[in-house]
Amino acid sequence: MKIHEKYINRCIEIAKNGLGTTRPNPMVGCVIVRNDQVIGEGFTSPFGGPHAEVNAINSVKDESLLKESTLYVTLEPCSHFGKTPPCSDLIIDKGIPQVVIGTIDTHSKVAGKGIEKLMRAGCDVVVGVLEKECQEHHKRFFTFHNKQRPYIILKWAQSADGFLSPSEKDEKKPVWITNSYSRQLVHKWRTEEHAILVGYNTVIEDNPSLTARDWKGLNPIRVVLDKFNSLEKSFDIFNNEANTIIVSDKDIDFNKKPIEQLAQLLFQKEIQSIIIEGGSKTLQMFLDEGLWDEARIFIGQNSFVNGTLAPQFTGSLISEHKILGDTLKIFNND
């Protein structure tokens, strides 16, 4: 493996420690190397705290070594003042001679300005190392700013014979298709995304809480499509464990591309990513409008014979995993 790729890979790896906590900032990873030895590492702190480059520089025990080092980072260092000063200024002040960047930051506040500032100061700047991998890593941030909508993940579980739920059930709670390990993974995912969405029928039939109770982390904002704003406040989605947004016909026109309107509404509320957990009607609305980025589908071992059919869609299979007896398939929208 080429030396630059080796350390950008490490940047991506450590950047994931910030997943779910850095928004609206991107989750950046940074590694500082001298003579092929890592002397500092850092990732983006929770929002309001230091950026990855600052944390990496602060982790270096002997600052004099920075003048002989290369700084690797997944995303172009910022060049503007926000909650914290510009990272590009700090890199220049510390005299770091070489900076290797995974991908340019397309956000209008940066968009090449950080690179330009570094080069003007005499830094040797290399751009585009593992660019596709870095763009994939920053997919939530890029989708939000470039497409002006959240990154949208569809998620559902279906039986071995292709049903979301049986035709009949005894009480208002979910009928589990997957095993406890798969369900815990879903709770981990909830801590990684900004929001989670279900429709009116899912609340009525399952009374979900939509929290990440089986994984340590932040609960997502709960979004419920309730056309007539008629849900009783006794449902668990109204408890005090997380914020809840009800989207009714006062917010969007449910008869005219409702998901496109919803995406715009969520963008205005600065929601950077969202996981859609159904049910079938809600999932199909996203699929019909083609407004989704990723689909994560669990296939359990049990069969229902009759019931609510799982959505039909087209997408590119990017990975497949076994979780004990369950199968998890992940697709990208073509």
C-alpha atoms as a PDB file:
ATOM      1  CA  MET A   1       0.000   0.000   0.000  1.00  0.00           C
ATOM      2  CA  LYS A   2       1.265   3.499  -0.847  1.00  0.00           C
ATOM      3  CA  ILE A   3       2.384   5.508   2.157  1.00  0.00           C
ATOM      4  CA  HIS A   4      -0.199   8.304   1.717  1.00  0.00           C
ATOM      5  CA  GLU A   5      -3.032   5.806   1.358  1.00  0.00           C
ATOM      6  CA  LYS A   6      -1.897   3.977   4.483  1.00  0.00           C
ATOM      7  CA  TYR A   7      -2.295   7.051   6.657  1.00  0.00           C
ATOM      8  CA  ILE A   8      -5.475   8.371   5.035  1.00  0.00           C
ATOM      9  CA  ASN A   9      -6.960   4.929   5.742  1.00  0.00           C
ATOM     10  CA  ARG A  10      -5.990   5.422   9.375  1.00  0.00           C
ATOM     11  CA  CYS A  11      -7.628   8.875   9.314  1.00  0.00           C
ATOM     12  CA  ILE A  12     -10.905   7.342   8.122  1.00  0.00           C
ATOM     13  CA  GLU A  13     -10.667   4.649  10.772  1.00  0.00           C
ATOM     14  CA  ILE A  14     -10.281   7.019  13.721  1.00  0.00           C
ATOM     15  CA  ALA A  15     -12.756   9.562  12.302  1.00  0.00           C
ATOM     16  CA  LYS A  16     -15.561   7.060  12.875  1.00  0.00           C
ATOM     17  CA  ASN A  17     -15.167   7.658  16.606  1.00  0.00           C
ATOM     18  CA  GLY A  18     -17.076  10.895  16.022  1.00  0.00           C
ATOM     19  CA  LEU A  19     -20.052   9.286  14.301  1.00  0.00           C
ATOM     20  CA  GLY A  20     -23.297  10.697  15.673  1.00  0.00           C
ATOM     21  CA  THR A  21     -21.718  13.411  17.846  1.00  0.00           C
ATOM     22  CA  THR A  22     -20.048  15.992  15.577  1.00  0.00           C
ATOM     23  CA  ARG A  23     -22.976  17.296  13.533  1.00  0.00           C
ATOM     24  CA  PRO A  24     -23.424  19.758  11.997  1.00  0.00           C
ATOM     25  CA  ASN A  25     -19.647  19.450  11.606  1.00  0.00           C
ATOM     26  CA  PRO A  26     -18.231  16.574   9.543  1.00  0.00           C
ATOM     27  CA  MET A  27     -16.546  13.687  11.389  1.00  0.00           C
ATOM     28  CA  VAL A  28     -12.944  14.224  10.332  1.00  0.00           C
ATOM     29  CA  GLY A  29      -9.894  12.120  11.160  1.00  0.00           C
ATOM     30  CA  CYS A  30      -6.319  13.422  11.286  1.00  0.00           C
ATOM     31  CA  VAL A  31      -2.937  11.709  11.651  1.00  0.00           C
ATOM     32  CA  ILE A  32       0.475  13.377  11.987  1.00  0.00           C
ATOM     33  CA  VAL A  33       3.503  11.398  10.755  1.00  0.00           C
ATOM     34  CA  ARG A  34       7.271  11.945  11.022  1.00  0.00           C
ATOM     35  CA  ASN A  35       9.740   9.532   9.414  1.00  0.00           C
ATOM     36  CA  ASP A  36       6.943   6.978   8.863  1.00  0.00           C
ATOM     37  CA  GLN A  37       6.056   7.087  12.565  1.00  0.00           C
ATOM     38  CA  VAL A  38       2.707   8.344  13.859  1.00  0.00           C
ATOM     39  CA  ILE A  39       3.365  11.082  16.411  1.00  0.00           C
ATOM     40  CA  GLY A  40      -0.202  12.387  16.755  1.00  0.00           C
ATOM     41  CA  GLU A  41      -3.825  11.481  16.033  1.00  0.00           C
ATOM     42  CA  GLY A  42      -7.193  13.113  16.512  1.00  0.00           C
ATOM     43  CA  PHE A  43     -10.813  13.120  15.424  1.00  0.00           C
ATOM     44  CA  THR A  44     -13.536  15.757  15.565  1.00  0.00           C
ATOM     45  CA  SER A  45     -14.865  16.463  19.039  1.00  0.00           C
ATOM     46  CA  PRO A  46     -18.603  16.762  19.729  1.00  0.00           C
ATOM     47  CA  PHE A  47     -19.990  19.991  18.227  1.00  0.00           C
ATOM     48  CA  GLY A  48     -18.467  23.077  19.797  1.00  0.00           C
ATOM     49  CA  GLY A  49     -15.205  21.310  20.650  1.00  0.00           C
ATOM     50  CA  PRO A  50     -11.889  21.197  18.769  1.00  0.00           C
ATOM     51  CA  HIS A  51     -11.657  19.877  15.218  1.00  0.00           C
ATOM     52  CA  ALA A  52      -9.644  16.800  14.283  1.00  0.00           C
ATOM     53  CA  GLU A  53      -6.528  18.727  13.262  1.00  0.00           C
ATOM     54  CA  VAL A  54      -6.442  20.580  16.592  1.00  0.00           C
ATOM     55  CA  ASN A  55      -6.824  17.357  18.569  1.00  0.00           C
ATOM     56  CA  ALA A  56      -4.090  15.677  16.522  1.00  0.00           C
ATOM     57  CA  ILE A  57      -1.653  18.572  16.921  1.00  0.00           C
ATOM     58  CA  ASN A  58      -2.390  18.791  20.656  1.00  0.00           C
ATOM     59  CA  SER A  59      -1.617  15.071  21.020  1.00  0.00           C
ATOM     60  CA  VAL A  60       1.971  15.529  19.791  1.00  0.00           C
ATOM     61  CA  LYS A  61       4.267  15.485  22.833  1.00  0.00           C
ATOM     62  CA  ASP A  62       7.190  17.334  21.219  1.00  0.00           C
ATOM     63  CA  GLU A  63       5.852  20.243  19.127  1.00  0.00           C
ATOM     64  CA  SER A  64       9.263  20.841  17.553  1.00  0.00           C
ATOM     65  CA  LEU A  65       8.715  17.648  15.516  1.00  0.00           C
ATOM     66  CA  LEU A  66       5.744  19.245  13.703  1.00  0.00           C
ATOM     67  CA  LYS A  67       8.141  21.221  11.504  1.00  0.00           C
ATOM     68  CA  GLU A  68       9.436  17.895  10.117  1.00  0.00           C
ATOM     69  CA  SER A  69       6.070  16.150   9.776  1.00  0.00           C
ATOM     70  CA  THR A  70       3.228  15.424   7.381  1.00  0.00           C
ATOM     71  CA  LEU A  71      -0.357  16.014   8.440  1.00  0.00           C
ATOM     72  CA  TYR A  72      -2.946  13.653   6.949  1.00  0.00           C
ATOM     73  CA  VAL A  73      -6.647  14.522   7.063  1.00  0.00           C
ATOM     74  CA  THR A  74      -9.829  13.102   5.494  1.00  0.00           C
ATOM     75  CA  LEU A  75     -11.275  16.500   4.571  1.00  0.00           C
ATOM     76  CA  GLU A  76      -9.843  19.854   3.558  1.00  0.00           C
ATOM     77  CA  PRO A  77      -8.973  21.894   6.683  1.00  0.00           C
ATOM     78  CA  CYS A  78     -11.396  24.727   7.349  1.00  0.00           C
ATOM     79  CA  SER A  79     -10.386  28.309   6.563  1.00  0.00           C
ATOM     80  CA  HIS A  80     -13.167  30.226   8.342  1.00  0.00           C
ATOM     81  CA  PHE A  81     -14.077  31.140  11.896  1.00  0.00           C
ATOM     82  CA  GLY A  82     -17.000  29.207  13.405  1.00  0.00           C
ATOM     83  CA  LYS A  83     -17.214  27.802  16.918  1.00  0.00           C
ATOM     84  CA  THR A  84     -13.434  27.401  16.645  1.00  0.00           C
ATOM     85  CA  PRO A  85     -10.634  29.214  14.720  1.00  0.00           C
ATOM     86  CA  PRO A  86      -9.588  28.001  11.236  1.00  0.00           C
ATOM     87  CA  CYS A  87      -7.596  24.756  11.250  1.00  0.00           C
ATOM     88  CA  SER A  88      -5.580  25.889   8.228  1.00  0.00           C
ATOM     89  CA  ASP A  89      -4.244  28.823  10.273  1.00  0.00           C
ATOM     90  CA  LEU A  90      -3.135  26.481  13.066  1.00  0.00           C
ATOM     91  CA  ILE A  91      -1.329  24.178  10.604  1.00  0.00           C
ATOM     92  CA  ILE A  92       0.518  27.194   9.174  1.00  0.00           C
ATOM     93  CA  ASP A  93       1.343  28.592  12.627  1.00  0.00           C
ATOM     94  CA  LYS A  94       2.853  25.257  13.690  1.00  0.00           C
ATOM     95  CA  GLY A  95       5.055  25.159  10.589  1.00  0.00           C
ATOM     96  CA  ILE A  96       3.846  21.768   9.336  1.00  0.00           C
ATOM     97  CA  PRO A  97       5.494  21.513   5.885  1.00  0.00           C
ATOM     98  CA  GLN A  98       3.270  18.934   4.152  1.00  0.00           C
ATOM     99  CA  VAL A  99      -0.503  18.310   4.256  1.00  0.00           C
ATOM    100  CA  VAL A 100      -2.188  15.327   2.573  1.00  0.00           C
ATOM    101  CA  ILE A 101      -5.941  15.681   2.100  1.00  0.00           C
ATOM    102  CA  GLY A 102      -8.440  12.962   1.242  1.00  0.00           C
ATOM    103  CA  THR A 103     -11.045  15.167  -0.403  1.00  0.00           C
ATOM    104  CA  ILE A 104     -11.932  18.812  -0.935  1.00  0.00           C
ATOM    105  CA  ASP A 105     -14.663  20.230   1.295  1.00  0.00           C
ATOM    106  CA  THR A 106     -17.443  21.280  -1.087  1.00  0.00           C
ATOM    107  CA  HIS A 107     -19.178  23.367   1.598  1.00  0.00           C
ATOM    108  CA  SER A 108     -19.290  26.944   0.271  1.00  0.00           C
ATOM    109  CA  LYS A 109     -17.527  28.268   3.398  1.00  0.00           C
ATOM    110  CA  VAL A 110     -14.454  26.182   2.548  1.00  0.00           C
ATOM    111  CA  ALA A 111     -14.499  24.834  -1.050  1.00  0.00           C
ATOM    112  CA  GLY A 112     -10.774  25.037  -1.768  1.00  0.00           C
ATOM    113  CA  LYS A 113     -10.076  28.110   0.375  1.00  0.00           C
ATOM    114  CA  GLY A 114      -8.285  26.030   3.024  1.00  0.00           C
ATOM    115  CA  ILE A 115      -6.019  24.442   0.410  1.00  0.00           C
ATOM    116  CA  GLU A 116      -5.325  27.818  -1.182  1.00  0.00           C
ATOM    117  CA  LYS A 117      -4.357  29.325   2.192  1.00  0.00           C
ATOM    118  CA  LEU A 118      -1.994  26.430   2.960  1.00  0.00           C
ATOM    119  CA  MET A 119      -0.307  26.649  -0.437  1.00  0.00           C
ATOM    120  CA  ARG A 120       0.139  30.410  -0.179  1.00  0.00           C
ATOM    121  CA  ALA A 121       1.910  29.837   3.130  1.00  0.00           C
ATOM    122  CA  GLY A 122       4.353  27.458   1.425  1.00  0.00           C
ATOM    123  CA  CYS A 123       2.865  24.115   2.463  1.00  0.00           C
ATOM    124  CA  ASP A 124       3.304  21.163   0.128  1.00  0.00           C
ATOM    125  CA  VAL A 125      -0.345  20.101  -0.322  1.00  0.00           C
ATOM    126  CA  VAL A 126      -1.427  16.772  -1.800  1.00  0.00           C
ATOM    127  CA  VAL A 127      -5.153  16.404  -2.556  1.00  0.00           C
ATOM    128  CA  GLY A 128      -7.328  13.450  -3.550  1.00  0.00           C
ATOM    129  CA  VAL A 129      -5.730  10.495  -1.744  1.00  0.00           C
ATOM    130  CA  LEU A 130      -8.425   7.792  -1.349  1.00  0.00           C
ATOM    131  CA  GLU A 131     -10.824  10.468  -2.526  1.00  0.00           C
ATOM    132  CA  LYS A 132     -13.800   8.151  -3.130  1.00  0.00           C
ATOM    133  CA  GLU A 133     -13.360   6.500   0.251  1.00  0.00           C
ATOM    134  CA  CYS A 134     -13.229   9.880   1.972  1.00  0.00           C
ATOM    135  CA  GLN A 135     -16.292  11.108   0.094  1.00  0.00           C
ATOM    136  CA  GLU A 136     -18.130   7.951   1.163  1.00  0.00           C
ATOM    137  CA  HIS A 137     -17.044   8.516   4.748  1.00  0.00           C
ATOM    138  CA  HIS A 138     -18.364  12.109   4.639  1.00  0.00           C
ATOM    139  CA  LYS A 139     -21.563  11.152   2.782  1.00  0.00           C
ATOM    140  CA  ARG A 140     -23.924  12.639   5.375  1.00  0.00           C
ATOM    141  CA  PHE A 141     -22.141  16.006   5.390  1.00  0.00           C
ATOM    142  CA  PHE A 142     -21.845  16.184   1.596  1.00  0.00           C
ATOM    143  CA  THR A 143     -25.450  15.121   0.943  1.00  0.00           C
ATOM    144  CA  PHE A 144     -26.779  17.719   3.364  1.00  0.00           C
ATOM    145  CA  HIS A 145     -24.799  20.602   1.871  1.00  0.00           C
ATOM    146  CA  ASN A 146     -24.751  19.595  -1.796  1.00  0.00           C
ATOM    147  CA  LYS A 147     -28.286  18.217  -2.157  1.00  0.00           C
ATOM    148  CA  GLN A 148     -29.818  20.337   0.611  1.00  0.00           C
ATOM    149  CA  ARG A 149     -31.517  17.396   2.276  1.00  0.00           C
ATOM    150  CA  PRO A 150     -30.629  14.769   4.853  1.00  0.00           C
ATOM    151  CA  TYR A 151     -28.784  11.575   3.995  1.00  0.00           C
ATOM    152  CA  ILE A 152     -31.668   9.054   3.861  1.00  0.00           C
ATOM    153  CA  ILE A 153     -31.329   5.450   5.026  1.00  0.00           C
ATOM    154  CA  LEU A 154     -34.213   3.013   4.574  1.00  0.00           C
ATOM    155  CA  LYS A 155     -34.303   0.129   7.019  1.00  0.00           C
ATOM    156  CA  TRP A 156     -36.638  -2.796   7.370  1.00  0.00           C
ATOM    157  CA  ALA A 157     -36.756  -6.448   8.382  1.00  0.00           C
ATOM    158  CA  GLN A 158     -38.595  -9.043   6.336  1.00  0.00           C
ATOM    159  CA  SER A 159     -39.408 -12.678   6.849  1.00  0.00           C
ATOM    160  CA  ALA A 160     -37.755 -15.423   4.836  1.00  0.00           C
ATOM    161  CA  ASP A 161     -40.820 -15.434   2.568  1.00  0.00           C
ATOM    162  CA  GLY A 162     -40.804 -11.653   2.039  1.00  0.00           C
ATOM    163  CA  PHE A 163     -43.283 -10.167   4.537  1.00  0.00           C
ATOM    164  CA  LEU A 164     -42.838  -7.208   6.866  1.00  0.00           C
ATOM    165  CA  SER A 165     -45.467  -8.460   9.301  1.00  0.00           C
ATOM    166  CA  PRO A 166     -48.039 -11.251   9.627  1.00  0.00           C
ATOM    167  CA  SER A 167     -51.670 -10.712   8.654  1.00  0.00           C
ATOM    168  CA  GLU A 168     -52.746 -10.917  12.299  1.00  0.00           C
ATOM    169  CA  LYS A 169     -51.124 -10.261  15.660  1.00  0.00           C
ATOM    170  CA  ASP A 170     -52.365 -10.284  19.227  1.00  0.00           C
ATOM    171  CA  GLU A 171     -51.169  -6.987  20.701  1.00  0.00           C
ATOM    172  CA  LYS A 172     -49.820  -3.529  19.858  1.00  0.00           C
ATOM    173  CA  LYS A 173     -46.108  -4.264  19.800  1.00  0.00           C
ATOM    174  CA  PRO A 174     -43.640  -5.336  17.108  1.00  0.00           C
ATOM    175  CA  VAL A 175     -43.528  -8.921  15.869  1.00  0.00           C
ATOM    176  CA  TRP A 176     -39.791  -9.634  15.925  1.00  0.00           C
ATOM    177  CA  ILE A 177     -38.392 -11.041  12.693  1.00  0.00           C
ATOM    178  CA  THR A 178     -34.699 -10.753  13.589  1.00  0.00           C
ATOM    179  CA  ASN A 179     -32.603 -11.968  16.509  1.00  0.00           C
ATOM    180  CA  SER A 180     -31.415  -9.868  19.454  1.00  0.00           C
ATOM    181  CA  TYR A 181     -28.000  -9.185  17.875  1.00  0.00           C
ATOM    182  CA  SER A 182     -29.591  -7.681  14.767  1.00  0.00           C
ATOM    183  CA  ARG A 183     -31.912  -5.592  16.928  1.00  0.00           C
ATOM    184  CA  GLN A 184     -28.973  -4.304  18.956  1.00  0.00           C
ATOM    185  CA  LEU A 185     -27.210  -3.314  15.720  1.00  0.00           C
ATOM    186  CA  VAL A 186     -30.284  -1.262  14.781  1.00  0.00           C
ATOM    187  CA  HIS A 187     -30.023   0.578  18.105  1.00  0.00           C
ATOM    188  CA  LYS A 188     -26.363   1.293  17.355  1.00  0.00           C
ATOM    189  CA  TRP A 189     -27.431   2.745  13.998  1.00  0.00           C
ATOM    190  CA  ARG A 190     -29.935   4.980  15.773  1.00  0.00           C
ATOM    191  CA  THR A 191     -27.112   6.613  17.744  1.00  0.00           C
ATOM    192  CA  GLU A 192     -25.272   7.305  14.475  1.00  0.00           C
ATOM    193  CA  GLU A 193     -28.058   9.196  12.697  1.00  0.00           C
ATOM    194  CA  HIS A 194     -29.566  12.575  13.461  1.00  0.00           C
ATOM    195  CA  ALA A 195     -33.201  11.478  13.216  1.00  0.00           C
ATOM    196  CA  ILE A 196     -35.500   8.485  12.812  1.00  0.00           C
ATOM    197  CA  LEU A 197     -38.846   8.419  11.001  1.00  0.00           C
ATOM    198  CA  VAL A 198     -41.968   6.254  10.994  1.00  0.00           C
ATOM    199  CA  GLY A 199     -45.509   6.709   9.765  1.00  0.00           C
ATOM    200  CA  TYR A 200     -48.816   7.006  11.611  1.00  0.00           C
ATOM    201  CA  ASN A 201     -49.712   3.333  11.196  1.00  0.00           C
ATOM    202  CA  THR A 202     -46.465   2.107  12.761  1.00  0.00           C
ATOM    203  CA  VAL A 203     -47.164   4.189  15.873  1.00  0.00           C
ATOM    204  CA  ILE A 204     -50.740   2.853  16.091  1.00  0.00           C
ATOM    205  CA  GLU A 205     -49.810  -0.785  15.520  1.00  0.00           C
ATOM    206  CA  ASP A 206     -46.459  -1.088  17.368  1.00  0.00           C
ATOM    207  CA  ASN A 207     -46.303   1.850  19.817  1.00  0.00           C
ATOM    208  CA  PRO A 208     -42.500   2.131  19.357  1.00  0.00           C
ATOM    209  CA  SER A 209     -40.289   4.408  21.452  1.00  0.00           C
ATOM    210  CA  LEU A 210     -37.687   4.784  18.646  1.00  0.00           C
ATOM    211  CA  THR A 211     -34.822   5.197  21.135  1.00  0.00           C
ATOM    212  CA  ALA A 212     -31.368   3.616  21.303  1.00  0.00           C
ATOM    213  CA  ARG A 213     -31.990   1.894  24.620  1.00  0.00           C
ATOM    214  CA  ASP A 214     -29.832  -1.138  23.707  1.00  0.00           C
ATOM    215  CA  TRP A 215     -26.734   0.901  22.799  1.00  0.00           C
ATOM    216  CA  LYS A 216     -24.846   3.712  24.510  1.00  0.00           C
ATOM    217  CA  GLY A 217     -25.232   6.972  22.632  1.00  0.00           C
ATOM    218  CA  LEU A 218     -27.561   9.806  21.747  1.00  0.00           C
ATOM    219  CA  ASN A 219     -31.184   9.105  20.913  1.00  0.00           C
ATOM    220  CA  PRO A 220     -32.203  10.366  17.457  1.00  0.00           C
ATOM    221  CA  ILE A 221     -34.835  13.024  16.935  1.00  0.00           C
ATOM    222  CA  ARG A 222     -38.123  11.217  16.280  1.00  0.00           C
ATOM    223  CA  VAL A 223     -40.102  12.241  13.188  1.00  0.00           C
ATOM    224  CA  VAL A 224     -43.621  10.939  12.620  1.00  0.00           C
ATOM    225  CA  LEU A 225     -45.745  11.375   9.502  1.00  0.00           C
ATOM    226  CA  ASP A 226     -49.217  12.032  10.942  1.00  0.00           C
ATOM    227  CA  LYS A 227     -51.287  13.656   8.211  1.00  0.00           C
ATOM    228  CA  PHE A 228     -54.099  14.877  10.463  1.00  0.00           C
ATOM    229  CA  ASN A 229     -52.012  15.345  13.626  1.00  0.00           C
ATOM    230  CA  SER A 230     -54.349  12.964  15.427  1.00  0.00           C
ATOM    231  CA  LEU A 231     -52.018  10.757  17.478  1.00  0.00           C
ATOM    232  CA  GLU A 232     -52.766  10.692  21.183  1.00  0.00           C
ATOM    233  CA  LYS A 233     -49.987  11.927  23.463  1.00  0.00           C
ATOM    234  CA  SER A 234     -50.069   8.648  25.409  1.00  0.00           C
ATOM    235  CA  PHE A 235     -47.960   6.890  22.746  1.00  0.00           C
ATOM    236  CA  ASP A 236     -44.317   6.203  23.614  1.00  0.00           C
ATOM    237  CA  ILE A 237     -42.994   8.456  20.845  1.00  0.00           C
ATOM    238  CA  PHE A 238     -44.152  11.395  22.995  1.00  0.00           C
ATOM    239  CA  ASN A 239     -42.154  10.427  26.080  1.00  0.00           C
ATOM    240  CA  ASN A 240     -39.321  12.665  27.297  1.00  0.00           C
ATOM    241  CA  GLU A 241     -36.478  10.393  26.136  1.00  0.00           C
ATOM    242  CA  ALA A 242     -36.020  12.271  22.843  1.00  0.00           C
ATOM    243  CA  ASN A 243     -37.461  15.171  20.877  1.00  0.00           C
ATOM    244  CA  THR A 244     -40.348  14.389  18.514  1.00  0.00           C
ATOM    245  CA  ILE A 245     -41.402  16.231  15.360  1.00  0.00           C
ATOM    246  CA  ILE A 246     -44.891  15.592  13.988  1.00  0.00           C
ATOM    247  CA  VAL A 247     -45.254  16.281  10.263  1.00  0.00           C
ATOM    248  CA  SER A 248     -48.885  16.869   9.271  1.00  0.00           C
ATOM    249  CA  ASP A 249     -50.807  18.350   6.343  1.00  0.00           C
ATOM    250  CA  LYS A 250     -50.058  21.759   7.845  1.00  0.00           C
ATOM    251  CA  ASP A 251     -46.383  21.170   7.015  1.00  0.00           C
ATOM    252  CA  ILE A 252     -46.514  19.344   3.665  1.00  0.00           C
ATOM    253  CA  ASP A 253     -49.031  18.494   0.952  1.00  0.00           C
ATOM    254  CA  PHE A 254     -49.432  14.713   1.181  1.00  0.00           C
ATOM    255  CA  ASN A 255     -50.918  14.612  -2.336  1.00  0.00           C
ATOM    256  CA  LYS A 256     -47.965  16.122  -4.199  1.00  0.00           C
ATOM    257  CA  LYS A 257     -44.493  14.584  -3.836  1.00  0.00           C
ATOM    258  CA  PRO A 258     -44.691  14.550  -0.030  1.00  0.00           C
ATOM    259  CA  ILE A 259     -41.206  13.069   0.462  1.00  0.00           C
ATOM    260  CA  GLU A 260     -39.553  15.822  -1.565  1.00  0.00           C
ATOM    261  CA  GLN A 261     -41.344  18.366   0.621  1.00  0.00           C
ATOM    262  CA  LEU A 262     -40.409  16.418   3.741  1.00  0.00           C
ATOM    263  CA  ALA A 263     -36.746  16.406   2.722  1.00  0.00           C
ATOM    264  CA  GLN A 264     -36.848  20.187   2.309  1.00  0.00           C
ATOM    265  CA  LEU A 265     -38.547  20.567   5.687  1.00  0.00           C
ATOM    266  CA  LEU A 266     -35.930  18.430   7.423  1.00  0.00           C
ATOM    267  CA  PHE A 267     -33.152  20.399   5.718  1.00  0.00           C
ATOM    268  CA  GLN A 268     -34.658  23.621   7.085  1.00  0.00           C
ATOM    269  CA  LYS A 269     -34.600  22.013  10.527  1.00  0.00           C
ATOM    270  CA  GLU A 270     -30.889  21.242   9.924  1.00  0.00           C
ATOM    271  CA  ILE A 271     -31.316  17.475  10.197  1.00  0.00           C
ATOM    272  CA  GLN A 272     -28.265  15.986   8.505  1.00  0.00           C
ATOM    273  CA  SER A 273     -29.260  12.316   8.310  1.00  0.00           C
ATOM    274  CA  ILE A 274     -32.331  10.197   8.951  1.00  0.00           C
ATOM    275  CA  ILE A 275     -33.139   6.507   9.166  1.00  0.00           C
ATOM    276  CA  ILE A 276     -36.573   5.454   7.917  1.00  0.00           C
ATOM    277  CA  GLU A 277     -37.996   2.509   9.864  1.00  0.00           C
ATOM    278  CA  GLY A 278     -41.301   2.054   8.105  1.00  0.00           C
ATOM    279  CA  GLY A 279     -43.937   0.754   7.801  1.00  0.00           C
ATOM    280  CA  SER A 280     -44.613  -0.413   4.307  1.00  0.00           C
ATOM    281  CA  LYS A 281     -46.605   2.613   3.130  1.00  0.00           C
ATOM    282  CA  THR A 282     -44.016   5.073   4.415  1.00  0.00           C
ATOM    283  CA  LEU A 283     -41.096   3.123   2.958  1.00  0.00           C
ATOM    284  CA  GLN A 284     -42.860   2.887  -0.389  1.00  0.00           C
ATOM    285  CA  MET A 285     -43.334   6.668  -0.493  1.00  0.00           C
ATOM    286  CA  PHE A 286     -39.568   7.157  -0.342  1.00  0.00           C
ATOM    287  CA  LEU A 287     -38.983   4.441  -2.935  1.00  0.00           C
ATOM    288  CA  ASP A 288     -41.639   5.820  -5.290  1.00  0.00           C
ATOM    289  CA  GLU A 289     -40.051   9.274  -5.266  1.00  0.00           C
ATOM    290  CA  GLY A 290     -36.548   7.792  -5.513  1.00  0.00           C
ATOM    291  CA  LEU A 291     -35.483   9.837  -2.506  1.00  0.00           C
ATOM    292  CA  TRP A 292     -33.167   7.558  -0.583  1.00  0.00           C
ATOM    293  CA  ASP A 293     -29.443   6.918  -0.436  1.00  0.00           C
ATOM    294  CA  GLU A 294     -29.053   3.579   1.297  1.00  0.00           C
ATOM    295  CA  ALA A 295     -31.295   0.600   2.150  1.00  0.00           C
ATOM    296  CA  ARG A 296     -30.445  -1.791   4.980  1.00  0.00           C
ATOM    297  CA  ILE A 297     -32.583  -4.930   4.844  1.00  0.00           C
ATOM    298  CA  PHE A 298     -32.638  -7.744   7.378  1.00  0.00           C
ATOM    299  CA  ILE A 299     -33.957 -11.135   6.301  1.00  0.00           C
ATOM    300  CA  GLY A 300     -35.023 -13.358   9.182  1.00  0.00           C
ATOM    301  CA  GLN A 301     -35.421 -17.103   9.335  1.00  0.00           C
ATOM    302  CA  ASN A 302     -39.145 -17.309  10.088  1.00  0.00           C
ATOM    303  CA  SER A 303     -41.983 -17.340   7.540  1.00  0.00           C
ATOM    304  CA  PHE A 304     -45.396 -15.655   7.800  1.00  0.00           C
ATOM    305  CA  VAL A 305     -47.113 -17.140   4.685  1.00  0.00           C
ATOM    306  CA  ASN A 306     -49.505 -14.167   4.651  1.00  0.00           C
ATOM    307  CA  GLY A 307     -49.219 -10.545   5.708  1.00  0.00           C
ATOM    308  CA  THR A 308     -47.808  -7.209   4.597  1.00  0.00           C
ATOM    309  CA  LEU A 309     -45.364  -7.670   1.730  1.00  0.00           C
ATOM    310  CA  ALA A 310     -41.915  -6.083   1.899  1.00  0.00           C
ATOM    311  CA  PRO A 311     -41.281  -3.210  -0.545  1.00  0.00           C
ATOM    312  CA  GLN A 312     -40.021  -3.954  -4.041  1.00  0.00           C
ATOM    313  CA  PHE A 313     -37.194  -1.771  -5.298  1.00  0.00           C
ATOM    314  CA  THR A 314     -34.047  -1.619  -7.423  1.00  0.00           C
ATOM    315  CA  GLY A 315     -30.624  -0.738  -6.055  1.00  0.00           C
ATOM    316  CA  SER A 316     -27.006  -1.870  -6.075  1.00  0.00           C
ATOM    317  CA  LEU A 317     -26.062  -4.472  -3.495  1.00  0.00           C
ATOM    318  CA  ILE A 318     -22.880  -3.207  -1.806  1.00  0.00           C
ATOM    319  CA  SER A 319     -22.516  -5.701   1.032  1.00  0.00           C
ATOM    320  CA  GLU A 320     -24.063  -8.785   2.630  1.00  0.00           C
ATOM    321  CA  HIS A 321     -23.525 -10.002   6.179  1.00  0.00           C
ATOM    322  CA  LYS A 322     -24.609 -12.906   8.361  1.00  0.00           C
ATOM    323  CA  ILE A 323     -25.722 -12.126  11.925  1.00  0.00           C
ATOM    324  CA  LEU A 324     -26.209 -15.594  13.373  1.00  0.00           C
ATOM    325  CA  GLY A 325     -29.196 -16.824  11.361  1.00  0.00           C
ATOM    326  CA  ASP A 326     -30.182 -13.413  10.003  1.00  0.00           C
ATOM    327  CA  THR A 327     -28.963 -11.940   6.708  1.00  0.00           C
ATOM    328  CA  LEU A 328     -28.283  -8.209   6.350  1.00  0.00           C
ATOM    329  CA  LYS A 329     -28.143  -6.768   2.846  1.00  0.00           C
ATOM    330  CA  ILE A 330     -27.101  -3.170   2.206  1.00  0.00           C
ATOM    331  CA  PHE A 331     -27.959  -1.407  -1.041  1.00  0.00           C
ATOM    332  CA  ASN A 332     -27.112   1.985  -2.597  1.00  0.00           C
ATOM    333  CA  ASN A 333     -29.615   3.913  -4.680  1.00  0.00           C
ATOM    334  CA  ASP A 334     -28.460   3.720  -8.319  1.00  0.00           C
END
